[in-house]
Amino acid sequence: MLKLTPKQKQQMYQHAQQTYPEECCGILLGVFEDSETQVAEVWETENAWRAEQEQELFSSVPTPRKQSTESKRDRFSIAPETLLKAQKYARDQYLAIVGIYHSHPDNLAKPSEFDRAIAWQTYSYIIMSVEKGTVTDCRSWQLDEQQQFQEEIIVTDSCH
C-alpha cells in the first residue's frame, strides 16, 4: 500500500499536465512501514531522456534492435546526479527513496516493457495517464519476485 496526501497527488498531477505531451518524472521520498509505504515528499525532476540511452540500456540484449525512435513522449530518465542528490537529501532527513513517478501521455497508466526493464523491486512506480493534457488515471505498481509488475493500492491520506 502506498500512502500519499492529496497535496502530493495534486503536485504530481500538475507536473504531468504541465509537461504534456512529454512524459514527466520524479522521485518519491518517504519511509517503508511494514507493508505500507508513506510518501513524505515529492521531488519533481527533469526528464533527462536521450535517444542514445535505449542503446546503452539494452546493449546486452542479443537481438538486433531497430534504430530508436523513442523520445520524451514515451520514455523518461532521471539523471544519475539527480538521483544521488535525492539519496543524500533523503538520508539527511531520515527518509529513503521509496518510488518513482512518471506519466504516460495519451496512453494507459500501466507499465510498459521499458518501465519493467528499468524498475527496482523495492520501489513503488506511480504511472499517470494524461489524455489531451489532463490526468485521467493514476496507478501504482511494484515488481514481484518474478520481475512482473503487480498493482499496488494508493491511499490518499489527508491526515499528514
N, C-alpha and C. Protein backbone atom coordinates (compact mmCIF):
# COMPACT_ATOMS: atom_id res chain seq x y z
N MET A 1 0.85 -1.18 0.00
CA MET A 1 0.00 0.00 0.00
C MET A 1 0.89 1.24 0.00
N LEU A 2 0.54 2.20 -0.82
CA LEU A 2 1.27 3.46 -0.93
C LEU A 2 0.39 4.58 -0.41
N LYS A 3 0.90 5.34 0.55
CA LYS A 3 0.12 6.43 1.15
C LYS A 3 0.66 7.78 0.69
N LEU A 4 -0.26 8.60 0.18
CA LEU A 4 0.04 9.95 -0.30
C LEU A 4 -0.94 10.93 0.33
N THR A 5 -0.55 12.19 0.41
CA THR A 5 -1.50 13.22 0.80
C THR A 5 -2.17 13.75 -0.47
N PRO A 6 -3.34 14.36 -0.35
CA PRO A 6 -3.97 14.98 -1.52
C PRO A 6 -3.04 16.02 -2.18
N LYS A 7 -2.29 16.76 -1.37
CA LYS A 7 -1.37 17.78 -1.90
C LYS A 7 -0.26 17.13 -2.74
N GLN A 8 0.26 15.99 -2.29
CA GLN A 8 1.30 15.30 -3.04
C GLN A 8 0.77 14.78 -4.37
N LYS A 9 -0.44 14.22 -4.32
CA LYS A 9 -1.06 13.71 -5.54
C LYS A 9 -1.31 14.86 -6.52
N GLN A 10 -1.80 15.98 -6.02
CA GLN A 10 -2.05 17.15 -6.86
C GLN A 10 -0.75 17.67 -7.47
N GLN A 11 0.33 17.66 -6.71
CA GLN A 11 1.63 18.10 -7.23
C GLN A 11 2.07 17.24 -8.42
N MET A 12 1.90 15.93 -8.30
CA MET A 12 2.27 15.04 -9.41
C MET A 12 1.36 15.27 -10.62
N TYR A 13 0.06 15.44 -10.37
CA TYR A 13 -0.88 15.70 -11.47
C TYR A 13 -0.50 16.97 -12.22
N GLN A 14 -0.22 18.04 -11.47
CA GLN A 14 0.16 19.31 -12.12
C GLN A 14 1.44 19.15 -12.93
N HIS A 15 2.42 18.44 -12.38
CA HIS A 15 3.67 18.21 -13.10
C HIS A 15 3.39 17.46 -14.41
N ALA A 16 2.56 16.42 -14.35
CA ALA A 16 2.24 15.63 -15.54
C ALA A 16 1.52 16.48 -16.59
N GLN A 17 0.60 17.32 -16.14
CA GLN A 17 -0.17 18.15 -17.07
C GLN A 17 0.68 19.26 -17.66
N GLN A 18 1.62 19.80 -16.88
CA GLN A 18 2.48 20.87 -17.39
C GLN A 18 3.49 20.36 -18.42
N THR A 19 3.93 19.11 -18.29
CA THR A 19 4.94 18.59 -19.22
C THR A 19 4.33 17.92 -20.44
N TYR A 20 3.01 17.69 -20.42
CA TYR A 20 2.32 17.09 -21.56
C TYR A 20 2.64 17.89 -22.82
N PRO A 21 2.95 17.29 -23.96
CA PRO A 21 2.78 15.89 -24.34
C PRO A 21 3.99 15.00 -24.06
N GLU A 22 4.96 15.50 -23.31
CA GLU A 22 6.10 14.66 -22.93
C GLU A 22 5.81 14.00 -21.59
N GLU A 23 6.58 12.94 -21.30
CA GLU A 23 6.46 12.28 -20.01
C GLU A 23 7.12 13.15 -18.95
N CYS A 24 6.49 13.23 -17.79
CA CYS A 24 7.12 13.84 -16.64
C CYS A 24 7.73 12.72 -15.80
N CYS A 25 8.57 13.08 -14.85
CA CYS A 25 9.10 12.07 -13.94
C CYS A 25 9.53 12.75 -12.65
N GLY A 26 9.61 11.95 -11.60
CA GLY A 26 10.01 12.48 -10.31
C GLY A 26 10.28 11.37 -9.32
N ILE A 27 10.72 11.78 -8.16
CA ILE A 27 11.16 10.85 -7.12
C ILE A 27 10.25 10.99 -5.91
N LEU A 28 9.91 9.86 -5.31
CA LEU A 28 9.11 9.83 -4.10
C LEU A 28 10.01 9.52 -2.92
N LEU A 29 10.03 10.42 -1.93
CA LEU A 29 10.82 10.20 -0.72
C LEU A 29 9.87 9.88 0.41
N GLY A 30 10.27 8.97 1.27
CA GLY A 30 9.39 8.60 2.37
C GLY A 30 9.99 7.53 3.24
N VAL A 31 9.11 6.73 3.83
CA VAL A 31 9.53 5.65 4.73
C VAL A 31 8.74 4.39 4.41
N PHE A 32 9.43 3.25 4.58
CA PHE A 32 8.79 1.95 4.46
C PHE A 32 8.33 1.54 5.86
N GLU A 33 7.05 1.25 6.02
CA GLU A 33 6.49 0.84 7.31
C GLU A 33 5.74 -0.46 7.12
N ASP A 34 6.34 -1.58 7.50
CA ASP A 34 5.74 -2.91 7.32
C ASP A 34 5.31 -3.08 5.86
N SER A 35 4.03 -3.27 5.61
CA SER A 35 3.57 -3.48 4.24
C SER A 35 3.10 -2.18 3.59
N GLU A 36 3.36 -1.06 4.25
CA GLU A 36 2.95 0.25 3.73
C GLU A 36 4.17 1.11 3.42
N THR A 37 3.97 1.98 2.47
CA THR A 37 4.98 2.98 2.14
C THR A 37 4.33 4.34 2.30
N GLN A 38 4.91 5.18 3.14
CA GLN A 38 4.39 6.53 3.37
C GLN A 38 5.27 7.53 2.62
N VAL A 39 4.68 8.27 1.68
CA VAL A 39 5.41 9.30 0.95
C VAL A 39 5.46 10.56 1.81
N ALA A 40 6.66 11.10 1.99
CA ALA A 40 6.84 12.33 2.75
C ALA A 40 7.02 13.53 1.83
N GLU A 41 7.72 13.32 0.72
CA GLU A 41 7.99 14.42 -0.23
C GLU A 41 7.96 13.91 -1.66
N VAL A 42 7.49 14.76 -2.55
CA VAL A 42 7.50 14.50 -3.99
C VAL A 42 8.52 15.44 -4.61
N TRP A 43 9.52 14.87 -5.27
CA TRP A 43 10.55 15.67 -5.94
C TRP A 43 10.29 15.64 -7.43
N GLU A 44 9.93 16.77 -8.00
CA GLU A 44 9.80 16.86 -9.46
C GLU A 44 11.21 16.88 -10.04
N THR A 45 11.42 16.11 -11.10
CA THR A 45 12.72 16.11 -11.76
C THR A 45 12.54 16.39 -13.25
N GLU A 46 13.61 16.72 -13.87
CA GLU A 46 13.60 16.91 -15.33
C GLU A 46 13.64 15.54 -15.99
N ASN A 47 12.93 15.41 -17.10
CA ASN A 47 13.04 14.20 -17.91
C ASN A 47 14.32 14.35 -18.74
N ALA A 48 15.34 13.59 -18.34
CA ALA A 48 16.66 13.71 -18.96
C ALA A 48 16.88 12.68 -20.07
N TRP A 49 15.79 12.11 -20.60
CA TRP A 49 15.91 11.06 -21.62
C TRP A 49 16.64 11.57 -22.86
N ARG A 50 17.56 10.73 -23.35
CA ARG A 50 18.24 10.93 -24.63
C ARG A 50 18.06 9.64 -25.43
N ALA A 51 17.82 9.75 -26.72
CA ALA A 51 17.55 8.58 -27.56
C ALA A 51 18.68 7.54 -27.47
N GLU A 52 19.92 7.99 -27.27
CA GLU A 52 21.05 7.07 -27.20
C GLU A 52 20.95 6.14 -25.98
N GLN A 53 20.18 6.53 -24.98
CA GLN A 53 20.08 5.73 -23.76
C GLN A 53 19.47 4.36 -24.02
N GLU A 54 18.56 4.26 -24.97
CA GLU A 54 17.95 2.97 -25.26
C GLU A 54 19.03 1.98 -25.65
N GLN A 55 19.94 2.40 -26.51
CA GLN A 55 21.04 1.53 -26.95
C GLN A 55 21.93 1.15 -25.76
N GLU A 56 22.25 2.14 -24.92
CA GLU A 56 23.10 1.89 -23.76
C GLU A 56 22.42 0.94 -22.77
N LEU A 57 21.14 1.16 -22.49
CA LEU A 57 20.42 0.34 -21.51
C LEU A 57 20.26 -1.10 -21.95
N PHE A 58 20.07 -1.30 -23.23
CA PHE A 58 19.77 -2.64 -23.72
C PHE A 58 20.90 -3.23 -24.57
N SER A 59 22.12 -2.76 -24.38
CA SER A 59 23.24 -3.24 -25.17
C SER A 59 23.52 -4.72 -24.94
N SER A 60 23.12 -5.27 -23.80
CA SER A 60 23.37 -6.68 -23.52
C SER A 60 22.31 -7.60 -24.14
N VAL A 61 21.26 -7.01 -24.71
CA VAL A 61 20.21 -7.81 -25.33
C VAL A 61 20.74 -8.34 -26.66
N PRO A 62 20.75 -9.68 -26.87
CA PRO A 62 21.37 -10.26 -28.06
C PRO A 62 20.65 -9.99 -29.37
N THR A 63 19.36 -9.67 -29.33
CA THR A 63 18.63 -9.45 -30.58
C THR A 63 18.95 -8.07 -31.14
N PRO A 64 19.06 -7.96 -32.46
CA PRO A 64 19.33 -6.64 -33.04
C PRO A 64 18.14 -5.71 -32.81
N ARG A 65 18.44 -4.48 -32.49
CA ARG A 65 17.37 -3.52 -32.20
C ARG A 65 17.28 -2.52 -33.35
N LYS A 66 16.07 -2.12 -33.64
CA LYS A 66 15.87 -1.12 -34.68
C LYS A 66 16.42 0.23 -34.20
N GLN A 67 16.60 1.12 -35.12
CA GLN A 67 17.02 2.48 -34.75
C GLN A 67 15.96 3.07 -33.83
N SER A 68 16.40 3.60 -32.71
CA SER A 68 15.47 4.10 -31.70
C SER A 68 14.72 5.34 -32.21
N THR A 69 13.40 5.29 -32.06
CA THR A 69 12.58 6.46 -32.41
C THR A 69 11.91 7.00 -31.16
N GLU A 70 12.27 6.44 -30.01
CA GLU A 70 11.66 6.87 -28.77
C GLU A 70 12.11 8.28 -28.42
N SER A 71 11.24 8.99 -27.74
CA SER A 71 11.54 10.35 -27.33
C SER A 71 10.94 10.58 -25.95
N LYS A 72 11.01 11.80 -25.47
CA LYS A 72 10.43 12.13 -24.18
C LYS A 72 8.91 11.99 -24.17
N ARG A 73 8.33 11.76 -25.33
CA ARG A 73 6.88 11.50 -25.40
C ARG A 73 6.54 10.09 -24.89
N ASP A 74 7.53 9.18 -24.93
CA ASP A 74 7.25 7.81 -24.50
C ASP A 74 8.39 7.16 -23.72
N ARG A 75 9.31 7.98 -23.23
CA ARG A 75 10.41 7.50 -22.41
C ARG A 75 10.74 8.56 -21.36
N PHE A 76 11.29 8.10 -20.24
CA PHE A 76 11.77 9.05 -19.24
C PHE A 76 13.06 8.53 -18.64
N SER A 77 13.82 9.45 -18.10
CA SER A 77 15.05 9.11 -17.41
C SER A 77 15.32 10.20 -16.38
N ILE A 78 15.76 9.79 -15.22
CA ILE A 78 16.18 10.74 -14.19
C ILE A 78 17.70 10.72 -14.17
N ALA A 79 18.31 11.88 -14.28
CA ALA A 79 19.77 11.97 -14.35
C ALA A 79 20.40 11.36 -13.09
N PRO A 80 21.49 10.61 -13.26
CA PRO A 80 22.15 9.98 -12.10
C PRO A 80 22.52 10.98 -11.00
N GLU A 81 22.94 12.17 -11.38
CA GLU A 81 23.32 13.16 -10.37
C GLU A 81 22.11 13.64 -9.56
N THR A 82 20.93 13.64 -10.21
CA THR A 82 19.70 14.00 -9.51
C THR A 82 19.32 12.91 -8.51
N LEU A 83 19.45 11.65 -8.92
CA LEU A 83 19.17 10.54 -8.00
C LEU A 83 20.13 10.56 -6.81
N LEU A 84 21.39 10.84 -7.07
CA LEU A 84 22.38 10.91 -5.99
C LEU A 84 22.05 12.04 -5.02
N LYS A 85 21.68 13.19 -5.56
CA LYS A 85 21.29 14.33 -4.71
C LYS A 85 20.08 13.96 -3.85
N ALA A 86 19.10 13.28 -4.46
CA ALA A 86 17.91 12.86 -3.72
C ALA A 86 18.26 11.85 -2.62
N GLN A 87 19.16 10.92 -2.92
CA GLN A 87 19.58 9.94 -1.92
C GLN A 87 20.25 10.62 -0.73
N LYS A 88 21.13 11.57 -1.01
CA LYS A 88 21.83 12.28 0.07
C LYS A 88 20.84 13.10 0.91
N TYR A 89 19.93 13.81 0.24
CA TYR A 89 18.94 14.60 0.94
C TYR A 89 18.07 13.70 1.81
N ALA A 90 17.59 12.59 1.23
CA ALA A 90 16.73 11.66 1.96
C ALA A 90 17.44 11.14 3.21
N ARG A 91 18.68 10.75 3.05
CA ARG A 91 19.45 10.23 4.19
C ARG A 91 19.54 11.28 5.29
N ASP A 92 19.80 12.53 4.93
CA ASP A 92 19.90 13.61 5.92
C ASP A 92 18.57 13.86 6.62
N GLN A 93 17.46 13.54 5.96
CA GLN A 93 16.12 13.75 6.52
C GLN A 93 15.56 12.48 7.16
N TYR A 94 16.38 11.43 7.26
CA TYR A 94 15.94 10.12 7.78
C TYR A 94 14.81 9.54 6.93
N LEU A 95 14.92 9.73 5.63
CA LEU A 95 13.97 9.20 4.67
C LEU A 95 14.72 8.29 3.70
N ALA A 96 13.98 7.74 2.76
CA ALA A 96 14.56 6.91 1.70
C ALA A 96 13.85 7.23 0.39
N ILE A 97 14.48 6.90 -0.72
CA ILE A 97 13.76 6.94 -1.98
C ILE A 97 12.84 5.71 -1.95
N VAL A 98 11.54 5.96 -2.01
CA VAL A 98 10.58 4.86 -1.93
C VAL A 98 9.89 4.59 -3.26
N GLY A 99 10.11 5.47 -4.23
CA GLY A 99 9.47 5.25 -5.52
C GLY A 99 9.80 6.31 -6.55
N ILE A 100 9.26 6.06 -7.72
CA ILE A 100 9.43 6.93 -8.88
C ILE A 100 8.03 7.14 -9.47
N TYR A 101 7.78 8.34 -9.98
CA TYR A 101 6.52 8.54 -10.70
C TYR A 101 6.83 9.05 -12.10
N HIS A 102 5.95 8.75 -13.01
CA HIS A 102 6.05 9.32 -14.36
C HIS A 102 4.68 9.25 -15.03
N SER A 103 4.58 9.93 -16.15
CA SER A 103 3.30 9.98 -16.87
C SER A 103 3.40 9.22 -18.18
N HIS A 104 2.25 8.80 -18.66
CA HIS A 104 2.11 8.20 -19.98
C HIS A 104 1.15 9.08 -20.78
N PRO A 105 1.71 9.99 -21.60
CA PRO A 105 0.85 10.86 -22.41
C PRO A 105 0.02 10.06 -23.41
N ASP A 106 -1.28 10.29 -23.38
CA ASP A 106 -2.21 9.64 -24.30
C ASP A 106 -2.04 8.12 -24.32
N ASN A 107 -1.81 7.56 -23.15
CA ASN A 107 -1.65 6.12 -23.03
C ASN A 107 -2.13 5.68 -21.64
N LEU A 108 -2.25 4.38 -21.45
CA LEU A 108 -2.76 3.82 -20.20
C LEU A 108 -1.78 3.99 -19.04
N ALA A 109 -2.30 3.97 -17.82
CA ALA A 109 -1.47 4.08 -16.61
C ALA A 109 -0.96 2.69 -16.21
N LYS A 110 -0.47 1.96 -17.19
CA LYS A 110 0.08 0.62 -16.97
C LYS A 110 1.54 0.62 -17.42
N PRO A 111 2.38 -0.15 -16.72
CA PRO A 111 3.80 -0.16 -17.06
C PRO A 111 4.06 -0.75 -18.45
N SER A 112 5.00 -0.14 -19.13
CA SER A 112 5.45 -0.66 -20.42
C SER A 112 6.57 -1.67 -20.16
N GLU A 113 6.98 -2.34 -21.20
CA GLU A 113 8.12 -3.26 -21.07
C GLU A 113 9.37 -2.48 -20.70
N PHE A 114 9.51 -1.28 -21.22
CA PHE A 114 10.64 -0.42 -20.86
C PHE A 114 10.59 -0.09 -19.36
N ASP A 115 9.40 0.24 -18.85
CA ASP A 115 9.25 0.54 -17.42
C ASP A 115 9.71 -0.65 -16.58
N ARG A 116 9.34 -1.86 -16.99
CA ARG A 116 9.72 -3.05 -16.25
C ARG A 116 11.23 -3.27 -16.30
N ALA A 117 11.81 -3.02 -17.45
CA ALA A 117 13.25 -3.26 -17.62
C ALA A 117 14.11 -2.36 -16.73
N ILE A 118 13.62 -1.17 -16.41
CA ILE A 118 14.44 -0.24 -15.61
C ILE A 118 14.02 -0.18 -14.14
N ALA A 119 13.00 -0.97 -13.76
CA ALA A 119 12.45 -0.89 -12.40
C ALA A 119 13.30 -1.65 -11.38
N TRP A 120 13.19 -1.20 -10.12
CA TRP A 120 13.83 -1.86 -8.97
C TRP A 120 12.73 -2.44 -8.10
N GLN A 121 13.01 -3.57 -7.51
CA GLN A 121 11.98 -4.31 -6.78
C GLN A 121 11.42 -3.58 -5.56
N THR A 122 12.19 -2.82 -4.84
CA THR A 122 11.69 -2.23 -3.59
C THR A 122 10.85 -0.97 -3.82
N TYR A 123 10.92 -0.38 -5.00
CA TYR A 123 10.25 0.89 -5.25
C TYR A 123 8.79 0.72 -5.67
N SER A 124 8.02 1.75 -5.40
CA SER A 124 6.68 1.91 -5.96
C SER A 124 6.82 2.75 -7.22
N TYR A 125 6.05 2.42 -8.24
CA TYR A 125 6.09 3.15 -9.51
C TYR A 125 4.70 3.67 -9.83
N ILE A 126 4.53 4.98 -9.62
CA ILE A 126 3.25 5.61 -9.95
C ILE A 126 3.29 6.00 -11.42
N ILE A 127 2.23 5.62 -12.12
CA ILE A 127 2.09 6.00 -13.53
C ILE A 127 0.76 6.72 -13.68
N MET A 128 0.82 7.89 -14.29
CA MET A 128 -0.39 8.68 -14.54
C MET A 128 -0.68 8.69 -16.04
N SER A 129 -1.91 8.39 -16.39
CA SER A 129 -2.35 8.52 -17.77
C SER A 129 -2.77 9.98 -17.97
N VAL A 130 -2.21 10.62 -19.00
CA VAL A 130 -2.55 12.01 -19.29
C VAL A 130 -3.15 12.04 -20.69
N GLU A 131 -4.46 12.26 -20.75
CA GLU A 131 -5.18 12.30 -22.03
C GLU A 131 -5.45 13.76 -22.39
N LYS A 132 -4.92 14.18 -23.53
CA LYS A 132 -5.12 15.55 -24.03
C LYS A 132 -4.81 16.59 -22.96
N GLY A 133 -3.77 16.36 -22.16
CA GLY A 133 -3.32 17.34 -21.18
C GLY A 133 -3.93 17.24 -19.80
N THR A 134 -4.81 16.24 -19.57
CA THR A 134 -5.45 16.09 -18.27
C THR A 134 -5.22 14.68 -17.73
N VAL A 135 -4.82 14.58 -16.46
CA VAL A 135 -4.64 13.27 -15.84
C VAL A 135 -6.00 12.59 -15.72
N THR A 136 -6.11 11.39 -16.29
CA THR A 136 -7.37 10.65 -16.26
C THR A 136 -7.29 9.38 -15.42
N ASP A 137 -6.08 8.95 -15.07
CA ASP A 137 -5.92 7.75 -14.27
C ASP A 137 -4.56 7.82 -13.57
N CYS A 138 -4.49 7.21 -12.40
CA CYS A 138 -3.26 7.18 -11.63
C CYS A 138 -3.19 5.85 -10.91
N ARG A 139 -2.13 5.09 -11.16
CA ARG A 139 -1.98 3.77 -10.54
C ARG A 139 -0.54 3.60 -10.06
N SER A 140 -0.38 2.73 -9.08
CA SER A 140 0.95 2.42 -8.58
C SER A 140 1.23 0.93 -8.78
N TRP A 141 2.50 0.64 -9.05
CA TRP A 141 2.92 -0.72 -9.37
C TRP A 141 4.20 -1.05 -8.61
N GLN A 142 4.38 -2.33 -8.31
CA GLN A 142 5.62 -2.83 -7.71
C GLN A 142 6.00 -4.12 -8.41
N LEU A 143 7.32 -4.35 -8.52
CA LEU A 143 7.80 -5.60 -9.10
C LEU A 143 7.70 -6.72 -8.07
N ASP A 144 7.27 -7.90 -8.52
CA ASP A 144 7.28 -9.06 -7.64
C ASP A 144 8.58 -9.85 -7.84
N GLU A 145 8.68 -10.99 -7.19
CA GLU A 145 9.91 -11.79 -7.26
C GLU A 145 10.21 -12.31 -8.66
N GLN A 146 9.20 -12.40 -9.51
CA GLN A 146 9.40 -12.84 -10.89
C GLN A 146 9.62 -11.68 -11.86
N GLN A 147 9.90 -10.50 -11.30
CA GLN A 147 10.14 -9.30 -12.10
C GLN A 147 8.93 -8.90 -12.94
N GLN A 148 7.73 -9.15 -12.41
CA GLN A 148 6.50 -8.73 -13.06
C GLN A 148 5.82 -7.69 -12.18
N PHE A 149 5.20 -6.69 -12.82
CA PHE A 149 4.52 -5.66 -12.06
C PHE A 149 3.19 -6.16 -11.50
N GLN A 150 2.94 -5.81 -10.24
CA GLN A 150 1.66 -6.05 -9.58
C GLN A 150 1.12 -4.70 -9.14
N GLU A 151 -0.17 -4.48 -9.33
CA GLU A 151 -0.74 -3.19 -8.94
C GLU A 151 -0.75 -3.06 -7.42
N GLU A 152 -0.47 -1.85 -6.97
CA GLU A 152 -0.40 -1.54 -5.55
C GLU A 152 -1.51 -0.54 -5.23
N ILE A 153 -2.14 -0.69 -4.10
CA ILE A 153 -3.21 0.23 -3.68
C ILE A 153 -2.60 1.58 -3.31
N ILE A 154 -3.22 2.65 -3.79
CA ILE A 154 -2.84 4.01 -3.38
C ILE A 154 -3.91 4.51 -2.41
N VAL A 155 -3.47 4.96 -1.25
CA VAL A 155 -4.38 5.54 -0.27
C VAL A 155 -4.02 7.02 -0.15
N THR A 156 -5.01 7.88 -0.37
CA THR A 156 -4.79 9.30 -0.22
C THR A 156 -5.19 9.67 1.21
N ASP A 157 -4.19 9.99 1.99
CA ASP A 157 -4.35 10.23 3.42
C ASP A 157 -4.25 11.73 3.69
N SER A 158 -5.33 12.33 4.16
CA SER A 158 -5.32 13.77 4.39
C SER A 158 -4.87 14.14 5.81
N CYS A 159 -4.43 13.16 6.58
CA CYS A 159 -4.02 13.42 7.97
C CYS A 159 -2.57 13.89 8.07
N HIS A 160 -1.81 13.81 7.01
CA HIS A 160 -0.38 14.16 7.09
C HIS A 160 -0.09 15.53 6.57
